[in-house]
Amino acid sequence: MTTITPLALPEVLLITPKRHGDARGWFAETWSEAVMAKAGLTHSFVQDNQAFNARKGTLRGLHFQTAPHAQGKLVRVIKGAIFDVAVDLRRASPSYGRWVAATLTASGGGQLFVPRGFAHGYVTLEDDTELFYKVDGKYAPELEGGVAWNDPDLAIAWPFNGEPLLSEKDRGLPRLNELAPPTF
């Protein structure tokens, strides 16, 4: 049976599918509409994405997309490991500006559900790390936004020392207090 565990921000869920294995390997049902509906997740995913990261210490994020194409994500690692972070950007939320994280590994099989209204980012913990994730809103680059990974007001406890490998775009993201209020 799939285990669904709310994290410190209860809208963010750690979903761990049961693996059925034998001498050949294992099988896991990574998404079941019926199982997830029992847990209150009634999302219709519209796109699947896959990302490859060649080097340990690659950081992507913290990204979000606003209405009318805000995105919730279901993230899993299919090779390697990540430290996966969700930050609450909903201004009216009592947990606004707070973050939660989980370590996801290919061997562990856990998935992180990041709902709409949260920024998402991760750092790779191993070389050659690959992710697979589902999103429930179409990609709309004109609605993309982000928050600086190293915003001191967020104080995310990233598990590395020094500087991560970042894209130019991610280097220029604003701090949370510089961000215009996003709509989700």
C-alpha atoms as a PDB file:
ATOM      1  CA  MET A   1       0.000   0.000   0.000  1.00  0.00           C
ATOM      2  CA  THR A   2       1.165   3.531  -0.776  1.00  0.00           C
ATOM      3  CA  THR A   3       2.167   5.581   2.280  1.00  0.00           C
ATOM      4  CA  ILE A   4       1.180   9.261   2.250  1.00  0.00           C
ATOM      5  CA  THR A   5       2.854  11.426   4.898  1.00  0.00           C
ATOM      6  CA  PRO A   6       2.142  15.155   5.363  1.00  0.00           C
ATOM      7  CA  LEU A   7       5.347  17.084   6.129  1.00  0.00           C
ATOM      8  CA  ALA A   8       5.715  20.066   8.500  1.00  0.00           C
ATOM      9  CA  LEU A   9       3.735  22.104   5.952  1.00  0.00           C
ATOM     10  CA  PRO A  10       0.860  19.604   5.660  1.00  0.00           C
ATOM     11  CA  GLU A  11      -0.078  20.484   2.080  1.00  0.00           C
ATOM     12  CA  VAL A  12       3.318  19.131   0.996  1.00  0.00           C
ATOM     13  CA  LEU A  13       3.181  15.342   0.983  1.00  0.00           C
ATOM     14  CA  LEU A  14       5.787  12.604   0.936  1.00  0.00           C
ATOM     15  CA  ILE A  15       4.252   9.771  -1.075  1.00  0.00           C
ATOM     16  CA  THR A  16       6.006   6.413  -0.924  1.00  0.00           C
ATOM     17  CA  PRO A  17       4.585   3.712  -3.185  1.00  0.00           C
ATOM     18  CA  LYS A  18       4.888   0.121  -2.004  1.00  0.00           C
ATOM     19  CA  ARG A  19       7.392  -1.865  -4.009  1.00  0.00           C
ATOM     20  CA  HIS A  20       6.494  -5.449  -4.837  1.00  0.00           C
ATOM     21  CA  GLY A  21       9.685  -7.376  -5.461  1.00  0.00           C
ATOM     22  CA  ASP A  22      11.174 -10.748  -6.118  1.00  0.00           C
ATOM     23  CA  ALA A  23      14.385 -12.129  -7.626  1.00  0.00           C
ATOM     24  CA  ARG A  24      13.685 -10.257 -10.877  1.00  0.00           C
ATOM     25  CA  GLY A  25      13.459  -6.820  -9.267  1.00  0.00           C
ATOM     26  CA  TRP A  26      10.425  -4.801  -8.190  1.00  0.00           C
ATOM     27  CA  PHE A  27       7.237  -3.096  -9.408  1.00  0.00           C
ATOM     28  CA  ALA A  28       5.598   0.023  -7.941  1.00  0.00           C
ATOM     29  CA  GLU A  29       2.416   1.904  -8.786  1.00  0.00           C
ATOM     30  CA  THR A  30       3.676   5.508  -8.662  1.00  0.00           C
ATOM     31  CA  TRP A  31       0.321   7.204  -9.275  1.00  0.00           C
ATOM     32  CA  SER A  32      -3.185   5.858  -8.786  1.00  0.00           C
ATOM     33  CA  GLU A  33      -6.098   8.245  -9.150  1.00  0.00           C
ATOM     34  CA  ALA A  34      -8.233   6.111  -6.826  1.00  0.00           C
ATOM     35  CA  VAL A  35      -5.584   5.794  -4.081  1.00  0.00           C
ATOM     36  CA  MET A  36      -4.699   9.481  -4.225  1.00  0.00           C
ATOM     37  CA  ALA A  37      -8.362  10.570  -4.205  1.00  0.00           C
ATOM     38  CA  LYS A  38      -8.785   8.751  -0.864  1.00  0.00           C
ATOM     39  CA  ALA A  39      -5.993  10.996   0.469  1.00  0.00           C
ATOM     40  CA  GLY A  40      -7.672  14.126  -0.920  1.00  0.00           C
ATOM     41  CA  LEU A  41      -5.466  14.478  -4.011  1.00  0.00           C
ATOM     42  CA  THR A  42      -7.710  14.895  -7.029  1.00  0.00           C
ATOM     43  CA  HIS A  43      -5.199  16.364  -9.433  1.00  0.00           C
ATOM     44  CA  SER A  44      -5.296  15.900 -13.166  1.00  0.00           C
ATOM     45  CA  PHE A  45      -1.726  15.942 -14.372  1.00  0.00           C
ATOM     46  CA  VAL A  46      -1.290  17.435 -17.840  1.00  0.00           C
ATOM     47  CA  GLN A  47       2.429  17.002 -18.480  1.00  0.00           C
ATOM     48  CA  ASP A  48       5.306  14.714 -17.494  1.00  0.00           C
ATOM     49  CA  ASN A  49       8.851  16.087 -17.321  1.00  0.00           C
ATOM     50  CA  GLN A  50      12.251  14.479 -16.940  1.00  0.00           C
ATOM     51  CA  ALA A  51      15.454  16.250 -15.879  1.00  0.00           C
ATOM     52  CA  PHE A  52      19.061  15.031 -15.911  1.00  0.00           C
ATOM     53  CA  ASN A  53      21.748  16.630 -13.743  1.00  0.00           C
ATOM     54  CA  ALA A  54      25.324  15.637 -14.519  1.00  0.00           C
ATOM     55  CA  ARG A  55      26.974  16.911 -11.335  1.00  0.00           C
ATOM     56  CA  LYS A  56      26.434  16.642  -7.613  1.00  0.00           C
ATOM     57  CA  GLY A  57      25.689  20.113  -6.239  1.00  0.00           C
ATOM     58  CA  THR A  58      23.489  21.202  -9.157  1.00  0.00           C
ATOM     59  CA  LEU A  59      20.736  23.418  -7.769  1.00  0.00           C
ATOM     60  CA  ARG A  60      17.549  24.209  -9.675  1.00  0.00           C
ATOM     61  CA  GLY A  61      15.061  26.653  -8.221  1.00  0.00           C
ATOM     62  CA  LEU A  62      13.273  27.968  -6.380  1.00  0.00           C
ATOM     63  CA  HIS A  63      10.657  28.081  -9.177  1.00  0.00           C
ATOM     64  CA  PHE A  64       6.911  28.563  -9.435  1.00  0.00           C
ATOM     65  CA  GLN A  65       4.300  29.401 -12.036  1.00  0.00           C
ATOM     66  CA  THR A  66       1.345  31.760 -11.441  1.00  0.00           C
ATOM     67  CA  ALA A  67      -2.336  31.685 -12.407  1.00  0.00           C
ATOM     68  CA  PRO A  68      -3.998  30.903 -14.669  1.00  0.00           C
ATOM     69  CA  HIS A  69      -1.431  28.131 -15.187  1.00  0.00           C
ATOM     70  CA  ALA A  70      -0.063  27.606 -11.675  1.00  0.00           C
ATOM     71  CA  GLN A  71       1.492  24.180 -11.270  1.00  0.00           C
ATOM     72  CA  GLY A  72       1.412  21.502  -8.621  1.00  0.00           C
ATOM     73  CA  LYS A  73       4.168  18.905  -9.002  1.00  0.00           C
ATOM     74  CA  LEU A  74       4.723  15.274  -8.090  1.00  0.00           C
ATOM     75  CA  VAL A  75       8.505  14.765  -8.091  1.00  0.00           C
ATOM     76  CA  ARG A  76      10.482  11.524  -7.930  1.00  0.00           C
ATOM     77  CA  VAL A  77      14.081  10.530  -8.516  1.00  0.00           C
ATOM     78  CA  ILE A  78      14.725   7.724 -10.980  1.00  0.00           C
ATOM     79  CA  LYS A  79      18.527   7.767 -10.617  1.00  0.00           C
ATOM     80  CA  GLY A  80      20.623   9.311  -7.852  1.00  0.00           C
ATOM     81  CA  ALA A  81      19.398  11.537  -5.024  1.00  0.00           C
ATOM     82  CA  ILE A  82      18.185  15.077  -4.302  1.00  0.00           C
ATOM     83  CA  PHE A  83      17.360  17.359  -1.403  1.00  0.00           C
ATOM     84  CA  ASP A  84      13.924  18.600  -2.503  1.00  0.00           C
ATOM     85  CA  VAL A  85      12.464  21.865  -1.128  1.00  0.00           C
ATOM     86  CA  ALA A  86       9.017  23.504  -1.151  1.00  0.00           C
ATOM     87  CA  VAL A  87       8.466  27.105   0.045  1.00  0.00           C
ATOM     88  CA  ASP A  88       4.977  28.444   0.834  1.00  0.00           C
ATOM     89  CA  LEU A  89       4.345  31.592  -1.258  1.00  0.00           C
ATOM     90  CA  ARG A  90       0.655  31.996  -0.418  1.00  0.00           C
ATOM     91  CA  ARG A  91       0.504  35.425   1.245  1.00  0.00           C
ATOM     92  CA  ALA A  92      -2.662  34.605   3.232  1.00  0.00           C
ATOM     93  CA  SER A  93      -1.225  31.343   4.558  1.00  0.00           C
ATOM     94  CA  PRO A  94      -0.070  31.102   8.187  1.00  0.00           C
ATOM     95  CA  SER A  95       2.996  29.268   6.858  1.00  0.00           C
ATOM     96  CA  TYR A  96       3.893  31.971   4.276  1.00  0.00           C
ATOM     97  CA  GLY A  97       7.659  32.056   3.753  1.00  0.00           C
ATOM     98  CA  ARG A  98       8.265  28.743   5.514  1.00  0.00           C
ATOM     99  CA  TRP A  99       9.943  25.822   3.798  1.00  0.00           C
ATOM    100  CA  VAL A 100       9.983  22.072   4.092  1.00  0.00           C
ATOM    101  CA  ALA A 101      12.312  19.522   2.499  1.00  0.00           C
ATOM    102  CA  ALA A 102      12.746  15.817   1.916  1.00  0.00           C
ATOM    103  CA  THR A 103      15.620  13.749   0.609  1.00  0.00           C
ATOM    104  CA  LEU A 104      14.427  11.737  -2.383  1.00  0.00           C
ATOM    105  CA  THR A 105      16.435   8.815  -3.722  1.00  0.00           C
ATOM    106  CA  ALA A 106      15.958   6.400  -6.575  1.00  0.00           C
ATOM    107  CA  SER A 107      16.508   3.493  -4.194  1.00  0.00           C
ATOM    108  CA  GLY A 108      13.946   4.791  -1.678  1.00  0.00           C
ATOM    109  CA  GLY A 109      11.198   5.490  -4.193  1.00  0.00           C
ATOM    110  CA  GLY A 110       9.630   8.398  -2.293  1.00  0.00           C
ATOM    111  CA  GLN A 111       7.889  11.195  -4.179  1.00  0.00           C
ATOM    112  CA  LEU A 112       7.236  14.770  -3.098  1.00  0.00           C
ATOM    113  CA  PHE A 113       3.915  16.416  -3.890  1.00  0.00           C
ATOM    114  CA  VAL A 114       4.400  20.195  -4.108  1.00  0.00           C
ATOM    115  CA  PRO A 115       1.027  21.956  -4.422  1.00  0.00           C
ATOM    116  CA  ARG A 116       0.217  25.143  -6.302  1.00  0.00           C
ATOM    117  CA  GLY A 117       1.238  28.196  -4.335  1.00  0.00           C
ATOM    118  CA  PHE A 118       4.649  26.819  -3.412  1.00  0.00           C
ATOM    119  CA  ALA A 119       8.059  27.491  -4.940  1.00  0.00           C
ATOM    120  CA  HIS A 120      10.030  24.324  -5.681  1.00  0.00           C
ATOM    121  CA  GLY A 121      13.733  23.651  -5.909  1.00  0.00           C
ATOM    122  CA  TYR A 122      16.282  20.921  -5.385  1.00  0.00           C
ATOM    123  CA  VAL A 123      19.964  20.234  -5.173  1.00  0.00           C
ATOM    124  CA  THR A 124      21.516  17.009  -6.421  1.00  0.00           C
ATOM    125  CA  LEU A 125      23.305  14.863  -3.859  1.00  0.00           C
ATOM    126  CA  GLU A 126      24.966  12.584  -6.425  1.00  0.00           C
ATOM    127  CA  ASP A 127      26.411  12.853  -9.919  1.00  0.00           C
ATOM    128  CA  ASP A 128      24.184  11.706 -12.800  1.00  0.00           C
ATOM    129  CA  THR A 129      20.892  12.316 -10.999  1.00  0.00           C
ATOM    130  CA  GLU A 130      17.646  12.029 -12.952  1.00  0.00           C
ATOM    131  CA  LEU A 131      14.170  13.202 -11.959  1.00  0.00           C
ATOM    132  CA  PHE A 132      10.738  12.467 -13.316  1.00  0.00           C
ATOM    133  CA  TYR A 133       7.846  14.716 -12.372  1.00  0.00           C
ATOM    134  CA  LYS A 134       4.230  15.325 -13.211  1.00  0.00           C
ATOM    135  CA  VAL A 135       2.650  18.798 -13.326  1.00  0.00           C
ATOM    136  CA  ASP A 136      -1.004  19.768 -13.156  1.00  0.00           C
ATOM    137  CA  GLY A 137      -0.754  23.016 -15.149  1.00  0.00           C
ATOM    138  CA  LYS A 138       0.538  23.643 -18.647  1.00  0.00           C
ATOM    139  CA  TYR A 139       3.951  25.208 -19.087  1.00  0.00           C
ATOM    140  CA  ALA A 140       3.620  28.966 -19.568  1.00  0.00           C
ATOM    141  CA  PRO A 141       7.038  30.681 -19.572  1.00  0.00           C
ATOM    142  CA  GLU A 142       5.446  34.138 -19.325  1.00  0.00           C
ATOM    143  CA  LEU A 143       4.024  33.112 -15.912  1.00  0.00           C
ATOM    144  CA  GLU A 144       7.271  31.733 -14.451  1.00  0.00           C
ATOM    145  CA  GLY A 145       8.748  33.173 -11.305  1.00  0.00           C
ATOM    146  CA  GLY A 146      11.301  32.337  -8.705  1.00  0.00           C
ATOM    147  CA  VAL A 147      12.906  33.103  -5.372  1.00  0.00           C
ATOM    148  CA  ALA A 148      16.628  33.154  -4.615  1.00  0.00           C
ATOM    149  CA  TRP A 149      17.848  29.807  -3.321  1.00  0.00           C
ATOM    150  CA  ASN A 150      20.030  31.542  -0.725  1.00  0.00           C
ATOM    151  CA  ASP A 151      17.522  34.121   0.558  1.00  0.00           C
ATOM    152  CA  PRO A 152      18.624  34.713   4.179  1.00  0.00           C
ATOM    153  CA  ASP A 153      15.018  35.294   5.249  1.00  0.00           C
ATOM    154  CA  LEU A 154      14.151  31.747   4.148  1.00  0.00           C
ATOM    155  CA  ALA A 155      17.344  30.290   5.664  1.00  0.00           C
ATOM    156  CA  ILE A 156      17.009  26.976   3.828  1.00  0.00           C
ATOM    157  CA  ALA A 157      19.428  24.437   5.288  1.00  0.00           C
ATOM    158  CA  TRP A 158      20.831  23.201   1.969  1.00  0.00           C
ATOM    159  CA  PRO A 159      23.085  20.158   2.556  1.00  0.00           C
ATOM    160  CA  PHE A 160      26.294  21.465   1.015  1.00  0.00           C
ATOM    161  CA  ASN A 161      29.083  23.957   1.614  1.00  0.00           C
ATOM    162  CA  GLY A 162      30.196  26.541  -0.900  1.00  0.00           C
ATOM    163  CA  GLU A 163      28.398  27.478  -4.093  1.00  0.00           C
ATOM    164  CA  PRO A 164      26.102  25.180  -6.052  1.00  0.00           C
ATOM    165  CA  LEU A 165      26.088  24.844  -9.831  1.00  0.00           C
ATOM    166  CA  LEU A 166      23.369  27.305 -10.957  1.00  0.00           C
ATOM    167  CA  SER A 167      21.888  28.556 -14.217  1.00  0.00           C
ATOM    168  CA  GLU A 168      22.263  32.257 -15.013  1.00  0.00           C
ATOM    169  CA  LYS A 169      18.496  32.599 -14.608  1.00  0.00           C
ATOM    170  CA  ASP A 170      18.591  31.130 -11.093  1.00  0.00           C
ATOM    171  CA  ARG A 171      21.506  33.389 -10.118  1.00  0.00           C
ATOM    172  CA  GLY A 172      19.296  36.439 -10.719  1.00  0.00           C
ATOM    173  CA  LEU A 173      16.171  35.437  -8.805  1.00  0.00           C
ATOM    174  CA  PRO A 174      14.861  37.949  -6.236  1.00  0.00           C
ATOM    175  CA  ARG A 175      14.567  37.511  -2.496  1.00  0.00           C
ATOM    176  CA  LEU A 176      11.104  36.751  -1.155  1.00  0.00           C
ATOM    177  CA  ASN A 177      10.687  40.284   0.228  1.00  0.00           C
ATOM    178  CA  GLU A 178      11.413  41.719  -3.260  1.00  0.00           C
ATOM    179  CA  LEU A 179       8.802  39.554  -4.973  1.00  0.00           C
ATOM    180  CA  ALA A 180       5.507  41.026  -6.137  1.00  0.00           C
ATOM    181  CA  PRO A 181       2.680  38.994  -4.574  1.00  0.00           C
ATOM    182  CA  PRO A 182       2.108  36.039  -6.926  1.00  0.00           C
ATOM    183  CA  THR A 183      -1.393  34.779  -7.707  1.00  0.00           C
ATOM    184  CA  PHE A 184      -2.147  31.089  -7.644  1.00  0.00           C
END
